[in-house]
Amino acid sequence: MTTRGFTFVADEPHNGAVGDGPTPTEYLLMALASCTAQTLRQYVDYKFDTAGDITVEIDYHEPQQEGAERYLQRTITLSEEPDPDDLKVMHDIAERSPVTLLIQFAWSVRTEFVGRR
C-alpha cells in the first residue's frame, strides 16, 4: 500500500505465522489510537507547560453471544494526573478526534467495481 510517497505492508497471518505486516484491522485500530493521541497532545501542549506522556490502547470487542454489541474500547493513560475539569475537556476532545468521528459517522460502506484503469 502507498500513500503520499509512504509504503506500508498489510498482511493476514496464515498457518500460525505472524505475517509480514499489521492486518488491515490493526491499521484501523492504530489509526484511531494515533489520531486520539495526536489530538490530545495538541490540546495539552497548548494548555499546559508539561502534560506528560499520553498512551492510547484500542481493543476490539467481538460479541461472544448473539445480539451482543461490537465495540472498540479506547483506554487513554496519562503519566500526569490532570485536574478533573481538564480531564472532562480531554475526554470531549478525544470523542471529537477526526478518526473517532469518521468511525462513528461512517456507518455504511458502499462498494463499486470498475474495469481496469
Protein backbone atom coordinates (compact mmCIF):
# COMPACT_ATOMS: atom_id res chain seq x y z
CA MET A 1 0.00 0.00 0.00
CA THR A 2 1.23 3.50 -0.73
CA THR A 3 0.05 6.97 0.15
CA ARG A 4 1.82 10.30 -0.30
CA GLY A 5 5.09 8.51 -1.07
CA PHE A 6 4.95 6.26 2.02
CA THR A 7 4.84 2.49 1.57
CA PHE A 8 3.19 0.09 4.00
CA VAL A 9 2.68 -3.66 4.14
CA ALA A 10 -0.58 -5.21 5.29
CA ASP A 11 -0.93 -8.94 5.76
CA GLU A 12 -3.10 -11.57 7.39
CA PRO A 13 -1.46 -14.35 9.41
CA HIS A 14 -1.57 -17.79 7.75
CA ASN A 15 -0.96 -21.20 9.29
CA GLY A 16 0.13 -19.73 12.62
CA ALA A 17 2.67 -17.34 11.08
CA VAL A 18 2.65 -13.70 12.19
CA GLY A 19 2.54 -12.23 8.68
CA ASP A 20 4.70 -9.61 7.02
CA GLY A 21 2.89 -6.61 8.48
CA PRO A 22 -0.11 -5.49 10.51
CA THR A 23 -3.55 -6.70 9.48
CA PRO A 24 -5.98 -4.20 7.94
CA THR A 25 -7.93 -4.26 11.22
CA GLU A 26 -4.75 -3.47 13.17
CA TYR A 27 -4.13 -0.49 10.85
CA LEU A 28 -7.64 0.79 11.61
CA LEU A 29 -7.08 0.45 15.37
CA MET A 30 -3.65 2.12 15.09
CA ALA A 31 -5.25 5.00 13.15
CA LEU A 32 -7.77 5.56 15.95
CA ALA A 33 -5.11 5.32 18.67
CA SER A 34 -2.61 7.61 16.95
CA CYS A 35 -5.23 10.20 15.99
CA THR A 36 -6.52 10.27 19.58
CA ALA A 37 -3.00 10.68 21.00
CA GLN A 38 -2.04 13.39 18.50
CA THR A 39 -5.27 15.34 19.03
CA LEU A 40 -4.85 15.21 22.83
CA ARG A 41 -1.16 16.12 22.53
CA GLN A 42 -2.04 19.28 20.58
CA TYR A 43 -4.52 20.28 23.30
CA VAL A 44 -2.28 19.58 26.29
CA ASP A 45 0.74 21.23 24.69
CA TYR A 46 -1.37 24.36 24.16
CA LYS A 47 -3.00 24.27 27.61
CA PHE A 48 -0.14 23.16 29.89
CA ASP A 49 3.60 23.66 30.18
CA THR A 50 4.16 19.97 30.82
CA ALA A 51 1.50 17.36 30.50
CA GLY A 52 3.47 14.14 30.47
CA ASP A 53 3.04 11.13 28.23
CA ILE A 54 -0.17 10.04 26.53
CA THR A 55 -0.70 6.37 25.72
CA VAL A 56 -3.76 5.15 23.83
CA GLU A 57 -4.75 1.48 23.54
CA ILE A 58 -7.63 0.23 21.41
CA ASP A 59 -9.24 -3.19 21.88
CA TYR A 60 -11.84 -4.61 19.53
CA HIS A 61 -14.59 -6.48 21.36
CA GLU A 62 -16.27 -9.13 19.24
CA PRO A 63 -19.58 -10.30 20.68
CA GLN A 64 -19.46 -13.72 22.29
CA GLN A 65 -23.21 -14.21 22.12
CA GLU A 66 -25.86 -13.37 19.57
CA GLY A 67 -27.26 -9.87 19.93
CA ALA A 68 -24.29 -8.60 21.96
CA GLU A 69 -22.71 -5.32 20.94
CA ARG A 70 -19.48 -5.00 18.94
CA TYR A 71 -17.40 -2.06 20.07
CA LEU A 72 -13.96 -0.54 20.29
CA GLN A 73 -12.65 0.07 23.81
CA ARG A 74 -10.28 3.06 23.92
CA THR A 75 -8.10 3.30 27.04
CA ILE A 76 -6.10 6.51 27.49
CA THR A 77 -3.31 6.57 30.05
CA LEU A 78 -1.75 9.87 31.14
CA SER A 79 1.55 9.95 33.01
CA GLU A 80 0.45 13.09 34.90
CA GLU A 81 -2.82 13.45 36.81
CA PRO A 82 -4.85 16.32 35.34
CA ASP A 83 -7.42 18.41 37.16
CA PRO A 84 -10.89 16.73 36.96
CA ASP A 85 -12.25 19.63 34.88
CA ASP A 86 -9.33 19.31 32.44
CA LEU A 87 -9.91 15.55 32.26
CA LYS A 88 -13.52 16.17 31.19
CA VAL A 89 -12.33 18.52 28.44
CA MET A 90 -9.75 15.93 27.34
CA HIS A 91 -12.50 13.30 27.18
CA ASP A 92 -14.58 15.59 24.98
CA ILE A 93 -11.58 16.27 22.74
CA ALA A 94 -10.87 12.54 22.37
CA GLU A 95 -14.51 11.99 21.37
CA ARG A 96 -14.14 14.65 18.64
CA SER A 97 -10.82 13.49 17.19
CA PRO A 98 -11.07 13.14 13.39
CA VAL A 99 -10.73 9.35 13.16
CA THR A 100 -13.20 8.88 16.04
CA LEU A 101 -15.77 10.95 14.15
CA LEU A 102 -15.04 9.10 10.91
CA ILE A 103 -15.61 5.71 12.57
CA GLN A 104 -18.73 6.86 14.43
CA PHE A 105 -20.41 8.51 11.46
CA ALA A 106 -19.27 6.33 8.56
CA TRP A 107 -21.85 3.67 9.29
CA SER A 108 -22.15 2.34 5.77
CA VAL A 109 -19.69 1.20 3.15
CA ARG A 110 -20.72 1.40 -0.48
CA THR A 111 -18.80 -0.76 -2.91
CA GLU A 112 -18.47 -0.37 -6.65
CA PHE A 113 -16.37 -2.45 -9.02
CA VAL A 114 -14.93 -0.72 -12.09
CA GLY A 115 -12.95 -2.01 -15.06
CA ARG A 116 -9.21 -1.67 -15.49
CA ARG A 117 -7.68 1.77 -15.26
